[in-house]
Amino acid sequence: MAARGSGDEPIVRVRGLRNAFGEAVIHEHLDLDVRRGEILGVVGGSGTGKSVLMRSIIGLQVPTAGEITVFDLPTIGREETEMAEISKRWGVLFQGGALFSTLTVAENVQVPLKEFYPALDQALLDQISSFKVVMTGLPPDAGPKYPAELSGGMRKRAGLARALALDPDLLFLDEPTAGLDPIGAAAFDELTKSLQRTLGLTVFLITHDLDTLYAICDRVAVLADKRVIAIGTIDELLATDHPWIAEYFKGPRGRAAVATQGRQGAGSGSVAAEARVES
């Protein structure tokens, strides 16, 4: 299925972003475009502010300077009600799933629905949540379960189901494969790519997983020196001479990721499919 809109059209535009906590400056003069319909991977060393950048875009972190537009609408300084209307069009999967432990999976998925559409009756809420649960590869009987009854991979999928509850155009994923074994991580990557194609999503994906970058990302943005120092395909990044990029992509783990993707290409993801429920 084609993405919603033209491929080069930026759905997120960041210019001159500055984030600081006291005297600690995390971002300075940071620019970034996220193109409509792409999966953009965001990488960087510890402390480069990958999650801070995401939180700035979705309005949970107020920058000290700069401009951010999402869907061609400025987001910084907007009234809460105006921001709510914009945020209905994106979904967020935080690290670990960030589920409410006292709610079932189905009830977690229904939280954004109840927030934005309080008039929906319970039967319809149950129907929507059941559909989202199955959509993310969970078994139908996962809905009545509590997060503590699920494996780590299943909790991530439940968090993804909640992120998709409002049929968003834009999906934010913060380290979605962290803590998963290689088979579970590959299965989650395959799920992400499938959903992106089927639903026409734009995906902003923070990760340190080189396999994920090679498997599903259209472009990769590299954070270093308090800004985006490079953005492009992996081949384009490999052509740069920045020492961190060279170490990250050309080191032993980078070479291993290339070899892994070569082997998986012949198998068309069958191993990942086997791990759909168990991960």
C-alpha atoms as a PDB file:
ATOM      1  CA  MET A   1       0.000   0.000   0.000  1.00  0.00           C
ATOM      2  CA  ALA A   2       1.365   3.434  -0.837  1.00  0.00           C
ATOM      3  CA  ALA A   3       2.174   5.852   1.939  1.00  0.00           C
ATOM      4  CA  ARG A   4      -0.168   8.714   2.629  1.00  0.00           C
ATOM      5  CA  GLY A   5       1.287  11.540   0.575  1.00  0.00           C
ATOM      6  CA  SER A   6       4.434  12.003  -1.485  1.00  0.00           C
ATOM      7  CA  GLY A   7       7.654  10.327  -0.398  1.00  0.00           C
ATOM      8  CA  ASP A   8       9.914  13.404  -0.095  1.00  0.00           C
ATOM      9  CA  GLU A   9       7.358  15.524   1.744  1.00  0.00           C
ATOM     10  CA  PRO A  10       8.543  16.137   5.343  1.00  0.00           C
ATOM     11  CA  ILE A  11       5.955  15.120   7.891  1.00  0.00           C
ATOM     12  CA  VAL A  12       8.259  16.319  10.711  1.00  0.00           C
ATOM     13  CA  ARG A  13      10.519  19.337  10.353  1.00  0.00           C
ATOM     14  CA  VAL A  14      12.988  20.414  13.047  1.00  0.00           C
ATOM     15  CA  ARG A  15      15.103  23.551  12.706  1.00  0.00           C
ATOM     16  CA  GLY A  16      17.646  25.097  15.056  1.00  0.00           C
ATOM     17  CA  LEU A  17      16.640  22.915  17.985  1.00  0.00           C
ATOM     18  CA  ARG A  18      18.309  23.558  21.314  1.00  0.00           C
ATOM     19  CA  ASN A  19      17.732  21.460  24.411  1.00  0.00           C
ATOM     20  CA  ALA A  20      19.513  22.178  27.664  1.00  0.00           C
ATOM     21  CA  PHE A  21      19.171  21.006  31.247  1.00  0.00           C
ATOM     22  CA  GLY A  22      20.812  23.667  33.356  1.00  0.00           C
ATOM     23  CA  GLU A  23      24.277  24.176  31.916  1.00  0.00           C
ATOM     24  CA  ALA A  24      24.241  20.808  30.154  1.00  0.00           C
ATOM     25  CA  VAL A  25      23.460  21.427  26.487  1.00  0.00           C
ATOM     26  CA  ILE A  26      22.099  18.297  24.784  1.00  0.00           C
ATOM     27  CA  HIS A  27      21.195  19.725  21.371  1.00  0.00           C
ATOM     28  CA  GLU A  28      22.435  22.854  19.618  1.00  0.00           C
ATOM     29  CA  HIS A  29      21.395  23.969  16.116  1.00  0.00           C
ATOM     30  CA  LEU A  30      19.843  20.579  15.379  1.00  0.00           C
ATOM     31  CA  ASP A  31      18.031  20.225  12.042  1.00  0.00           C
ATOM     32  CA  LEU A  32      16.049  17.193  10.900  1.00  0.00           C
ATOM     33  CA  ASP A  33      13.414  16.256   8.328  1.00  0.00           C
ATOM     34  CA  VAL A  34      11.357  13.070   8.558  1.00  0.00           C
ATOM     35  CA  ARG A  35       9.892  12.263   5.156  1.00  0.00           C
ATOM     36  CA  ARG A  36       6.338  11.090   4.791  1.00  0.00           C
ATOM     37  CA  GLY A  37       6.109   7.307   4.388  1.00  0.00           C
ATOM     38  CA  GLU A  38       9.668   6.433   5.430  1.00  0.00           C
ATOM     39  CA  ILE A  39      11.135   4.498   8.327  1.00  0.00           C
ATOM     40  CA  LEU A  40      13.802   6.789   9.734  1.00  0.00           C
ATOM     41  CA  GLY A  41      16.287   5.220  12.123  1.00  0.00           C
ATOM     42  CA  VAL A  42      17.859   7.511  14.730  1.00  0.00           C
ATOM     43  CA  VAL A  43      21.184   6.471  16.222  1.00  0.00           C
ATOM     44  CA  GLY A  44      23.824   8.038  18.407  1.00  0.00           C
ATOM     45  CA  GLY A  45      26.069   7.382  21.349  1.00  0.00           C
ATOM     46  CA  SER A  46      24.954   7.472  24.973  1.00  0.00           C
ATOM     47  CA  GLY A  47      23.952  10.974  26.026  1.00  0.00           C
ATOM     48  CA  THR A  48      23.391  12.325  22.519  1.00  0.00           C
ATOM     49  CA  GLY A  49      19.718  12.930  23.298  1.00  0.00           C
ATOM     50  CA  LYS A  50      17.881  10.524  21.018  1.00  0.00           C
ATOM     51  CA  SER A  51      14.923  10.185  23.386  1.00  0.00           C
ATOM     52  CA  VAL A  52      15.070  13.899  24.216  1.00  0.00           C
ATOM     53  CA  LEU A  53      14.694  14.657  20.515  1.00  0.00           C
ATOM     54  CA  MET A  54      11.657  12.397  20.274  1.00  0.00           C
ATOM     55  CA  ARG A  55      10.124  13.917  23.399  1.00  0.00           C
ATOM     56  CA  SER A  56      10.680  17.394  21.942  1.00  0.00           C
ATOM     57  CA  ILE A  57       8.838  16.456  18.749  1.00  0.00           C
ATOM     58  CA  ILE A  58       5.840  14.998  20.613  1.00  0.00           C
ATOM     59  CA  GLY A  59       5.642  17.890  23.069  1.00  0.00           C
ATOM     60  CA  LEU A  60       6.861  16.222  26.279  1.00  0.00           C
ATOM     61  CA  GLN A  61      10.047  18.288  26.331  1.00  0.00           C
ATOM     62  CA  VAL A  62       9.988  22.041  25.758  1.00  0.00           C
ATOM     63  CA  PRO A  63      13.127  23.120  23.857  1.00  0.00           C
ATOM     64  CA  THR A  64      14.974  26.280  24.813  1.00  0.00           C
ATOM     65  CA  ALA A  65      15.146  27.343  21.159  1.00  0.00           C
ATOM     66  CA  GLY A  66      14.212  26.212  17.681  1.00  0.00           C
ATOM     67  CA  GLU A  67      11.169  25.319  15.612  1.00  0.00           C
ATOM     68  CA  ILE A  68       9.277  22.053  15.205  1.00  0.00           C
ATOM     69  CA  THR A  69       6.442  21.429  12.788  1.00  0.00           C
ATOM     70  CA  VAL A  70       4.474  18.194  12.488  1.00  0.00           C
ATOM     71  CA  PHE A  71       1.885  17.801   9.715  1.00  0.00           C
ATOM     72  CA  ASP A  72       2.859  21.370   8.679  1.00  0.00           C
ATOM     73  CA  LEU A  73       1.711  22.673  12.086  1.00  0.00           C
ATOM     74  CA  PRO A  74       4.043  24.326  14.603  1.00  0.00           C
ATOM     75  CA  THR A  75       3.998  22.414  17.894  1.00  0.00           C
ATOM     76  CA  ILE A  76       6.083  24.529  20.260  1.00  0.00           C
ATOM     77  CA  GLY A  77       4.006  26.887  22.387  1.00  0.00           C
ATOM     78  CA  ARG A  78       0.618  25.563  21.304  1.00  0.00           C
ATOM     79  CA  GLU A  79      -2.305  25.430  23.692  1.00  0.00           C
ATOM     80  CA  GLU A  80      -2.956  22.039  25.265  1.00  0.00           C
ATOM     81  CA  THR A  81      -6.236  21.559  23.391  1.00  0.00           C
ATOM     82  CA  GLU A  82      -4.587  22.416  20.079  1.00  0.00           C
ATOM     83  CA  MET A  83      -1.707  20.044  20.798  1.00  0.00           C
ATOM     84  CA  ALA A  84      -4.174  17.281  21.621  1.00  0.00           C
ATOM     85  CA  GLU A  85      -5.701  17.551  18.163  1.00  0.00           C
ATOM     86  CA  ILE A  86      -2.276  17.158  16.566  1.00  0.00           C
ATOM     87  CA  SER A  87      -1.207  14.314  18.859  1.00  0.00           C
ATOM     88  CA  LYS A  88      -4.230  12.259  17.831  1.00  0.00           C
ATOM     89  CA  ARG A  89      -2.408  11.703  14.563  1.00  0.00           C
ATOM     90  CA  TRP A  90       0.645  10.021  16.071  1.00  0.00           C
ATOM     91  CA  GLY A  91       1.278   6.995  18.257  1.00  0.00           C
ATOM     92  CA  VAL A  92       4.198   6.362  20.605  1.00  0.00           C
ATOM     93  CA  LEU A  93       5.819   3.164  21.828  1.00  0.00           C
ATOM     94  CA  PHE A  94       8.078   4.043  24.731  1.00  0.00           C
ATOM     95  CA  GLN A  95      10.893   1.805  25.932  1.00  0.00           C
ATOM     96  CA  GLY A  96       9.573  -1.349  27.580  1.00  0.00           C
ATOM     97  CA  GLY A  97       6.033  -0.674  26.400  1.00  0.00           C
ATOM     98  CA  ALA A  98       5.156   1.704  29.294  1.00  0.00           C
ATOM     99  CA  LEU A  99       1.888  -0.110  29.933  1.00  0.00           C
ATOM    100  CA  PHE A 100      -0.337   0.603  32.935  1.00  0.00           C
ATOM    101  CA  SER A 101       0.293  -2.382  35.192  1.00  0.00           C
ATOM    102  CA  THR A 102      -3.182  -2.290  36.780  1.00  0.00           C
ATOM    103  CA  LEU A 103      -4.968  -2.434  33.407  1.00  0.00           C
ATOM    104  CA  THR A 104      -5.336  -5.401  31.103  1.00  0.00           C
ATOM    105  CA  VAL A 105      -3.841  -5.303  27.619  1.00  0.00           C
ATOM    106  CA  ALA A 106      -7.261  -4.498  26.155  1.00  0.00           C
ATOM    107  CA  GLU A 107      -7.822  -1.734  28.703  1.00  0.00           C
ATOM    108  CA  ASN A 108      -4.386  -0.281  27.922  1.00  0.00           C
ATOM    109  CA  VAL A 109      -5.235  -0.157  24.224  1.00  0.00           C
ATOM    110  CA  GLN A 110      -8.516   1.569  25.048  1.00  0.00           C
ATOM    111  CA  VAL A 111      -6.884   4.396  27.052  1.00  0.00           C
ATOM    112  CA  PRO A 112      -6.281   6.764  24.088  1.00  0.00           C
ATOM    113  CA  LEU A 113      -9.678   5.880  22.620  1.00  0.00           C
ATOM    114  CA  LYS A 114     -11.430   6.849  25.832  1.00  0.00           C
ATOM    115  CA  GLU A 115      -9.349  10.017  26.115  1.00  0.00           C
ATOM    116  CA  PHE A 116     -10.174  11.354  22.658  1.00  0.00           C
ATOM    117  CA  TYR A 117     -13.546   9.692  22.007  1.00  0.00           C
ATOM    118  CA  PRO A 118     -15.303   9.389  25.382  1.00  0.00           C
ATOM    119  CA  ALA A 119     -18.687   8.749  23.756  1.00  0.00           C
ATOM    120  CA  LEU A 120     -17.654   5.370  22.305  1.00  0.00           C
ATOM    121  CA  ASP A 121     -19.602   2.519  23.867  1.00  0.00           C
ATOM    122  CA  GLN A 122     -17.802  -0.358  25.538  1.00  0.00           C
ATOM    123  CA  ALA A 123     -18.742  -2.916  22.899  1.00  0.00           C
ATOM    124  CA  LEU A 124     -17.043  -0.868  20.202  1.00  0.00           C
ATOM    125  CA  LEU A 125     -14.017  -0.241  22.433  1.00  0.00           C
ATOM    126  CA  ASP A 126     -13.680  -3.983  22.993  1.00  0.00           C
ATOM    127  CA  GLN A 127     -13.940  -4.638  19.274  1.00  0.00           C
ATOM    128  CA  ILE A 128     -11.287  -2.064  18.376  1.00  0.00           C
ATOM    129  CA  SER A 129      -8.865  -3.223  21.072  1.00  0.00           C
ATOM    130  CA  SER A 130      -9.269  -6.866  20.021  1.00  0.00           C
ATOM    131  CA  PHE A 131      -8.450  -5.927  16.432  1.00  0.00           C
ATOM    132  CA  LYS A 132      -5.345  -3.952  17.450  1.00  0.00           C
ATOM    133  CA  VAL A 133      -4.112  -6.808  19.663  1.00  0.00           C
ATOM    134  CA  VAL A 134      -4.313  -9.309  16.811  1.00  0.00           C
ATOM    135  CA  MET A 135      -2.867  -6.774  14.358  1.00  0.00           C
ATOM    136  CA  THR A 136       0.366  -6.653  16.350  1.00  0.00           C
ATOM    137  CA  GLY A 137       0.809 -10.419  16.356  1.00  0.00           C
ATOM    138  CA  LEU A 138      -0.512 -11.194  19.824  1.00  0.00           C
ATOM    139  CA  PRO A 139      -2.920 -14.086  20.358  1.00  0.00           C
ATOM    140  CA  PRO A 140      -6.571 -13.084  20.910  1.00  0.00           C
ATOM    141  CA  ASP A 141      -6.442 -14.273  24.520  1.00  0.00           C
ATOM    142  CA  ALA A 142      -3.773 -11.657  25.328  1.00  0.00           C
ATOM    143  CA  GLY A 143      -6.421  -8.933  25.654  1.00  0.00           C
ATOM    144  CA  PRO A 144      -7.715  -9.943  29.128  1.00  0.00           C
ATOM    145  CA  LYS A 145      -4.207 -10.473  30.508  1.00  0.00           C
ATOM    146  CA  TYR A 146      -2.217  -8.027  32.623  1.00  0.00           C
ATOM    147  CA  PRO A 147       1.252  -6.844  31.573  1.00  0.00           C
ATOM    148  CA  ALA A 148       2.911  -8.900  34.317  1.00  0.00           C
ATOM    149  CA  GLU A 149       1.516 -12.034  32.673  1.00  0.00           C
ATOM    150  CA  LEU A 150       3.265 -11.319  29.378  1.00  0.00           C
ATOM    151  CA  SER A 151       6.822 -11.827  28.177  1.00  0.00           C
ATOM    152  CA  GLY A 152       8.941  -8.776  27.409  1.00  0.00           C
ATOM    153  CA  GLY A 153       8.353  -9.105  23.691  1.00  0.00           C
ATOM    154  CA  MET A 154       4.615  -9.475  24.145  1.00  0.00           C
ATOM    155  CA  ARG A 155       4.529  -6.345  26.326  1.00  0.00           C
ATOM    156  CA  LYS A 156       6.222  -4.421  23.532  1.00  0.00           C
ATOM    157  CA  ARG A 157       3.611  -5.663  21.082  1.00  0.00           C
ATOM    158  CA  ALA A 158       0.861  -4.662  23.513  1.00  0.00           C
ATOM    159  CA  GLY A 159       2.413  -1.206  23.735  1.00  0.00           C
ATOM    160  CA  LEU A 160       2.489  -1.076  19.960  1.00  0.00           C
ATOM    161  CA  ALA A 161      -1.202  -2.023  19.841  1.00  0.00           C
ATOM    162  CA  ARG A 162      -1.950   0.942  22.098  1.00  0.00           C
ATOM    163  CA  ALA A 163       0.200   3.229  19.928  1.00  0.00           C
ATOM    164  CA  LEU A 164      -1.890   2.193  16.916  1.00  0.00           C
ATOM    165  CA  ALA A 165      -5.248   2.567  18.673  1.00  0.00           C
ATOM    166  CA  LEU A 166      -6.129   5.859  16.945  1.00  0.00           C
ATOM    167  CA  ASP A 167      -4.974   4.808  13.458  1.00  0.00           C
ATOM    168  CA  PRO A 168      -2.079   7.283  13.433  1.00  0.00           C
ATOM    169  CA  ASP A 169      -0.205   8.622  10.428  1.00  0.00           C
ATOM    170  CA  LEU A 170       3.058   8.863  12.366  1.00  0.00           C
ATOM    171  CA  LEU A 171       4.569   6.259  14.705  1.00  0.00           C
ATOM    172  CA  PHE A 172       7.368   6.860  17.219  1.00  0.00           C
ATOM    173  CA  LEU A 173       9.308   3.810  18.426  1.00  0.00           C
ATOM    174  CA  ASP A 174      11.899   4.190  21.196  1.00  0.00           C
ATOM    175  CA  GLU A 175      14.309   1.213  21.272  1.00  0.00           C
ATOM    176  CA  PRO A 176      11.567  -1.287  20.345  1.00  0.00           C
ATOM    177  CA  THR A 177      13.899  -4.297  20.148  1.00  0.00           C
ATOM    178  CA  ALA A 178      15.965  -3.557  23.269  1.00  0.00           C
ATOM    179  CA  GLY A 179      16.057  -6.569  25.564  1.00  0.00           C
ATOM    180  CA  LEU A 180      14.743  -8.997  22.954  1.00  0.00           C
ATOM    181  CA  ASP A 181      16.662 -12.036  21.764  1.00  0.00           C
ATOM    182  CA  PRO A 182      17.779 -11.971  18.105  1.00  0.00           C
ATOM    183  CA  ILE A 183      14.800 -14.013  16.880  1.00  0.00           C
ATOM    184  CA  GLY A 184      12.311 -11.863  18.778  1.00  0.00           C
ATOM    185  CA  ALA A 185      13.999  -8.680  17.556  1.00  0.00           C
ATOM    186  CA  ALA A 186      13.868  -9.879  13.942  1.00  0.00           C
ATOM    187  CA  ALA A 187      10.176 -10.707  14.355  1.00  0.00           C
ATOM    188  CA  PHE A 188       9.464  -7.217  15.709  1.00  0.00           C
ATOM    189  CA  ASP A 189      11.369  -5.659  12.813  1.00  0.00           C
ATOM    190  CA  GLU A 190       9.318  -7.690  10.359  1.00  0.00           C
ATOM    191  CA  LEU A 191       6.105  -6.615  12.106  1.00  0.00           C
ATOM    192  CA  THR A 192       7.127  -2.953  11.991  1.00  0.00           C
ATOM    193  CA  LYS A 193       7.882  -3.077   8.281  1.00  0.00           C
ATOM    194  CA  SER A 194       4.656  -4.927   7.530  1.00  0.00           C
ATOM    195  CA  LEU A 195       2.539  -2.425   9.453  1.00  0.00           C
ATOM    196  CA  GLN A 196       4.351   0.506   7.848  1.00  0.00           C
ATOM    197  CA  ARG A 197       3.580  -0.807   4.382  1.00  0.00           C
ATOM    198  CA  THR A 198       0.012  -1.869   5.121  1.00  0.00           C
ATOM    199  CA  LEU A 199      -1.051   1.252   7.028  1.00  0.00           C
ATOM    200  CA  GLY A 200       1.027   3.816   5.135  1.00  0.00           C
ATOM    201  CA  LEU A 201       2.831   4.876   8.293  1.00  0.00           C
ATOM    202  CA  THR A 202       5.765   7.191   8.757  1.00  0.00           C
ATOM    203  CA  VAL A 203       8.053   5.736  11.439  1.00  0.00           C
ATOM    204  CA  PHE A 204      10.565   7.576  13.654  1.00  0.00           C
ATOM    205  CA  LEU A 205      12.618   4.748  15.159  1.00  0.00           C
ATOM    206  CA  ILE A 206      15.265   5.199  17.849  1.00  0.00           C
ATOM    207  CA  THR A 207      17.527   2.187  18.003  1.00  0.00           C
ATOM    208  CA  HIS A 208      21.042   0.940  18.645  1.00  0.00           C
ATOM    209  CA  ASP A 209      20.311  -2.335  16.844  1.00  0.00           C
ATOM    210  CA  LEU A 210      22.347  -2.530  13.649  1.00  0.00           C
ATOM    211  CA  ASP A 211      20.252  -5.444  12.391  1.00  0.00           C
ATOM    212  CA  THR A 212      17.161  -3.226  12.606  1.00  0.00           C
ATOM    213  CA  LEU A 213      18.870  -0.429  10.697  1.00  0.00           C
ATOM    214  CA  TYR A 214      19.897  -2.730   7.877  1.00  0.00           C
ATOM    215  CA  ALA A 215      16.607  -4.652   7.784  1.00  0.00           C
ATOM    216  CA  ILE A 216      13.908  -1.981   7.714  1.00  0.00           C
ATOM    217  CA  CYS A 217      15.193   1.612   7.783  1.00  0.00           C
ATOM    218  CA  ASP A 218      14.980   3.707   4.620  1.00  0.00           C
ATOM    219  CA  ARG A 219      17.330   6.333   6.041  1.00  0.00           C
ATOM    220  CA  VAL A 220      19.347   6.780   9.223  1.00  0.00           C
ATOM    221  CA  ALA A 221      19.994  10.007  11.141  1.00  0.00           C
ATOM    222  CA  VAL A 222      23.149  10.105  13.250  1.00  0.00           C
ATOM    223  CA  LEU A 223      23.228  12.246  16.400  1.00  0.00           C
ATOM    224  CA  ALA A 224      26.632  13.452  17.586  1.00  0.00           C
ATOM    225  CA  ASP A 225      28.217  16.746  18.555  1.00  0.00           C
ATOM    226  CA  LYS A 226      24.766  17.942  19.790  1.00  0.00           C
ATOM    227  CA  ARG A 227      23.168  17.791  16.348  1.00  0.00           C
ATOM    228  CA  VAL A 228      22.388  15.563  13.376  1.00  0.00           C
ATOM    229  CA  ILE A 229      25.807  15.159  11.783  1.00  0.00           C
ATOM    230  CA  ALA A 230      24.628  12.986   8.893  1.00  0.00           C
ATOM    231  CA  ILE A 231      21.434  11.535   7.441  1.00  0.00           C
ATOM    232  CA  GLY A 232      20.919   9.188   4.539  1.00  0.00           C
ATOM    233  CA  THR A 233      20.906   5.566   3.518  1.00  0.00           C
ATOM    234  CA  ILE A 234      23.443   3.284   5.178  1.00  0.00           C
ATOM    235  CA  ASP A 235      25.488   3.246   1.975  1.00  0.00           C
ATOM    236  CA  GLU A 236      25.555   7.043   2.017  1.00  0.00           C
ATOM    237  CA  LEU A 237      26.617   7.075   5.661  1.00  0.00           C
ATOM    238  CA  LEU A 238      29.382   4.559   4.976  1.00  0.00           C
ATOM    239  CA  ALA A 239      30.791   7.040   2.456  1.00  0.00           C
ATOM    240  CA  THR A 240      31.292   9.716   5.143  1.00  0.00           C
ATOM    241  CA  ASP A 241      34.522  10.112   7.065  1.00  0.00           C
ATOM    242  CA  HIS A 242      33.186  10.932  10.543  1.00  0.00           C
ATOM    243  CA  PRO A 243      35.030   8.692  13.050  1.00  0.00           C
ATOM    244  CA  TRP A 244      31.931   7.742  15.077  1.00  0.00           C
ATOM    245  CA  ILE A 245      30.012   6.715  11.962  1.00  0.00           C
ATOM    246  CA  ALA A 246      32.956   4.672  10.708  1.00  0.00           C
ATOM    247  CA  GLU A 247      33.356   2.929  14.068  1.00  0.00           C
ATOM    248  CA  TYR A 248      29.631   2.259  14.388  1.00  0.00           C
ATOM    249  CA  PHE A 249      28.916   0.901  10.920  1.00  0.00           C
ATOM    250  CA  LYS A 250      32.300  -0.563   9.964  1.00  0.00           C
ATOM    251  CA  GLY A 251      33.231  -2.154  13.296  1.00  0.00           C
ATOM    252  CA  PRO A 252      32.803  -5.851  14.132  1.00  0.00           C
ATOM    253  CA  ARG A 253      29.078  -5.497  14.977  1.00  0.00           C
ATOM    254  CA  GLY A 254      28.444  -3.588  11.771  1.00  0.00           C
ATOM    255  CA  ARG A 255      30.133  -6.279   9.697  1.00  0.00           C
ATOM    256  CA  ALA A 256      28.141  -8.927  11.557  1.00  0.00           C
ATOM    257  CA  ALA A 257      24.895  -7.082  10.788  1.00  0.00           C
ATOM    258  CA  VAL A 258      25.734  -7.041   7.076  1.00  0.00           C
ATOM    259  CA  ALA A 259      26.400 -10.773   7.144  1.00  0.00           C
ATOM    260  CA  THR A 260      23.173 -11.421   9.058  1.00  0.00           C
ATOM    261  CA  GLN A 261      21.069  -9.522   6.555  1.00  0.00           C
ATOM    262  CA  GLY A 262      22.662 -11.436   3.723  1.00  0.00           C
ATOM    263  CA  ARG A 263      21.660 -14.736   5.302  1.00  0.00           C
ATOM    264  CA  GLN A 264      18.146 -13.554   6.157  1.00  0.00           C
ATOM    265  CA  GLY A 265      17.553 -12.362   2.596  1.00  0.00           C
ATOM    266  CA  ALA A 266      17.626 -15.951   1.405  1.00  0.00           C
ATOM    267  CA  GLY A 267      15.182 -17.075   4.090  1.00  0.00           C
ATOM    268  CA  SER A 268      12.543 -14.350   3.569  1.00  0.00           C
ATOM    269  CA  GLY A 269      12.001 -13.873   7.313  1.00  0.00           C
ATOM    270  CA  SER A 270      10.604 -17.319   8.113  1.00  0.00           C
ATOM    271  CA  VAL A 271      12.431 -17.492  11.441  1.00  0.00           C
ATOM    272  CA  ALA A 272      10.960 -14.152  12.478  1.00  0.00           C
ATOM    273  CA  ALA A 273       7.475 -15.389  11.648  1.00  0.00           C
ATOM    274  CA  GLU A 274       7.946 -18.395  13.913  1.00  0.00           C
ATOM    275  CA  ALA A 275       8.643 -16.074  16.845  1.00  0.00           C
ATOM    276  CA  ARG A 276       5.511 -13.938  16.360  1.00  0.00           C
ATOM    277  CA  VAL A 277       3.805 -14.956  19.592  1.00  0.00           C
ATOM    278  CA  GLU A 278       6.683 -16.190  21.715  1.00  0.00           C
ATOM    279  CA  SER A 279       8.788 -13.028  21.500  1.00  0.00           C
END
